Structures are given as C-alpha cells and as structure tokens.
Amino acid sequence: MSRFEKNTWMMGEQYTTADPYALAFFSAGKRFGLPTRELRHYGEWKQRMLRRPAVETILKRERSVLLEAD
C-alpha cells in the first residue's frame, strides 16, 4: 500500500514541511524519466500540491517540469 493511498499528505492528514521536500523528489523523477505517471496515488498527491498557491508560485518562478502536462 502506498503512503498516499491512505493519507492526504506525506505525514497523514496534516500538510507538513515533508510535502514540499517530497515534491522535489517527484520533480527529479520526472526529469530523469522515471515512470512517475504510473504512480497513481503519488500523482494525485502531486495535484493537491499544485493547487496550493505558494507551491504554484514557486514552480512557475522555477519553470518547473511539474507544470508540464503529463
């Protein structure tokens, strides 16, 4: 069972500093060509992260690959 299958955020139901840290790993996986699309629950969590205004602002500023369509 995936961590995100039972939790909204990395550490459970509360958003913590672990979430943006994990997002950096998701981004690296996408840049390195790892099969991030196959990780359904991780992808759903990434979408929740992208809906956070501060996350969106930073990713736009960095021109992140996470903003590209899957």
C-alpha atoms as a PDB file:
ATOM      1  CA  MET A   1       0.000   0.000   0.000  1.00  0.00           C
ATOM      2  CA  SER A   2       1.311   3.415  -0.958  1.00  0.00           C
ATOM      3  CA  ARG A   3       1.696   6.138   1.663  1.00  0.00           C
ATOM      4  CA  PHE A   4      -0.653   8.330  -0.383  1.00  0.00           C
ATOM      5  CA  GLU A   5      -3.283   5.651  -0.777  1.00  0.00           C
ATOM      6  CA  LYS A   6      -4.308   6.166   2.849  1.00  0.00           C
ATOM      7  CA  ASN A   7      -3.018   9.703   3.545  1.00  0.00           C
ATOM      8  CA  THR A   8      -3.829  13.101   2.093  1.00  0.00           C
ATOM      9  CA  TRP A   9      -0.333  14.408   2.770  1.00  0.00           C
ATOM     10  CA  MET A  10       3.086  12.845   3.262  1.00  0.00           C
ATOM     11  CA  MET A  11       2.747  12.508   7.037  1.00  0.00           C
ATOM     12  CA  GLY A  12      -1.005  11.909   7.229  1.00  0.00           C
ATOM     13  CA  GLU A  13      -3.866  14.376   7.163  1.00  0.00           C
ATOM     14  CA  GLN A  14      -1.715  17.405   8.049  1.00  0.00           C
ATOM     15  CA  TYR A  15       0.402  19.242   5.451  1.00  0.00           C
ATOM     16  CA  THR A  16       3.985  19.448   6.761  1.00  0.00           C
ATOM     17  CA  THR A  17       7.415  20.503   5.549  1.00  0.00           C
ATOM     18  CA  ALA A  18       7.858  16.913   4.355  1.00  0.00           C
ATOM     19  CA  ASP A  19       5.439  17.589   1.483  1.00  0.00           C
ATOM     20  CA  PRO A  20       7.482  20.178  -0.445  1.00  0.00           C
ATOM     21  CA  TYR A  21      10.583  18.088   0.230  1.00  0.00           C
ATOM     22  CA  ALA A  22       8.889  15.052  -1.347  1.00  0.00           C
ATOM     23  CA  LEU A  23       7.765  17.203  -4.274  1.00  0.00           C
ATOM     24  CA  ALA A  24      11.416  17.842  -5.105  1.00  0.00           C
ATOM     25  CA  PHE A  25      11.896  14.069  -5.463  1.00  0.00           C
ATOM     26  CA  PHE A  26       8.822  13.787  -7.681  1.00  0.00           C
ATOM     27  CA  SER A  27      10.236  16.551  -9.870  1.00  0.00           C
ATOM     28  CA  ALA A  28      13.629  14.832 -10.068  1.00  0.00           C
ATOM     29  CA  GLY A  29      11.968  11.565 -11.025  1.00  0.00           C
ATOM     30  CA  LYS A  30      10.098  13.261 -13.838  1.00  0.00           C
ATOM     31  CA  ARG A  31      13.270  14.993 -15.108  1.00  0.00           C
ATOM     32  CA  PHE A  32      15.201  11.710 -15.042  1.00  0.00           C
ATOM     33  CA  GLY A  33      12.485   9.923 -16.994  1.00  0.00           C
ATOM     34  CA  LEU A  34      11.258   7.674 -14.196  1.00  0.00           C
ATOM     35  CA  PRO A  35       7.703   6.313 -14.592  1.00  0.00           C
ATOM     36  CA  THR A  36       6.004   8.914 -12.379  1.00  0.00           C
ATOM     37  CA  ARG A  37       2.770   8.621 -14.392  1.00  0.00           C
ATOM     38  CA  GLU A  38       2.379   5.049 -13.181  1.00  0.00           C
ATOM     39  CA  LEU A  39       2.321   6.134  -9.533  1.00  0.00           C
ATOM     40  CA  ARG A  40      -1.377   6.981  -9.327  1.00  0.00           C
ATOM     41  CA  HIS A  41      -1.609   7.966  -5.656  1.00  0.00           C
ATOM     42  CA  TYR A  42       1.660   9.889  -5.780  1.00  0.00           C
ATOM     43  CA  GLY A  43       0.320  11.717  -8.844  1.00  0.00           C
ATOM     44  CA  GLU A  44      -2.915  12.593  -7.039  1.00  0.00           C
ATOM     45  CA  TRP A  45      -0.858  13.962  -4.141  1.00  0.00           C
ATOM     46  CA  LYS A  46       1.215  15.998  -6.646  1.00  0.00           C
ATOM     47  CA  GLN A  47      -2.017  17.527  -7.976  1.00  0.00           C
ATOM     48  CA  ARG A  48      -3.020  18.511  -4.430  1.00  0.00           C
ATOM     49  CA  MET A  49       0.389  20.126  -4.021  1.00  0.00           C
ATOM     50  CA  LEU A  50      -0.016  22.070  -7.287  1.00  0.00           C
ATOM     51  CA  ARG A  51      -3.325  23.506  -6.043  1.00  0.00           C
ATOM     52  CA  ARG A  52      -1.524  25.198  -3.135  1.00  0.00           C
ATOM     53  CA  PRO A  53      -0.960  28.861  -4.157  1.00  0.00           C
ATOM     54  CA  ALA A  54       2.560  29.104  -2.696  1.00  0.00           C
ATOM     55  CA  VAL A  55       3.642  25.901  -4.436  1.00  0.00           C
ATOM     56  CA  GLU A  56       2.228  27.098  -7.743  1.00  0.00           C
ATOM     57  CA  THR A  57       4.007  30.455  -7.396  1.00  0.00           C
ATOM     58  CA  ILE A  58       7.392  28.856  -6.758  1.00  0.00           C
ATOM     59  CA  LEU A  59       7.030  26.251  -9.506  1.00  0.00           C
ATOM     60  CA  LYS A  60       6.084  28.928 -12.041  1.00  0.00           C
ATOM     61  CA  ARG A  61       9.075  31.017 -10.990  1.00  0.00           C
ATOM     62  CA  GLU A  62      11.343  27.994 -11.434  1.00  0.00           C
ATOM     63  CA  ARG A  63       9.659  26.935 -14.700  1.00  0.00           C
ATOM     64  CA  SER A  64       9.273  23.503 -13.160  1.00  0.00           C
ATOM     65  CA  VAL A  65       8.677  20.362 -15.222  1.00  0.00           C
ATOM     66  CA  LEU A  66       5.841  19.630 -12.818  1.00  0.00           C
ATOM     67  CA  LEU A  67       3.746  22.287 -14.545  1.00  0.00           C
ATOM     68  CA  GLU A  68       4.007  20.491 -17.886  1.00  0.00           C
ATOM     69  CA  ALA A  69       1.136  18.240 -18.903  1.00  0.00           C
ATOM     70  CA  ASP A  70       1.728  14.569 -18.170  1.00  0.00           C
END
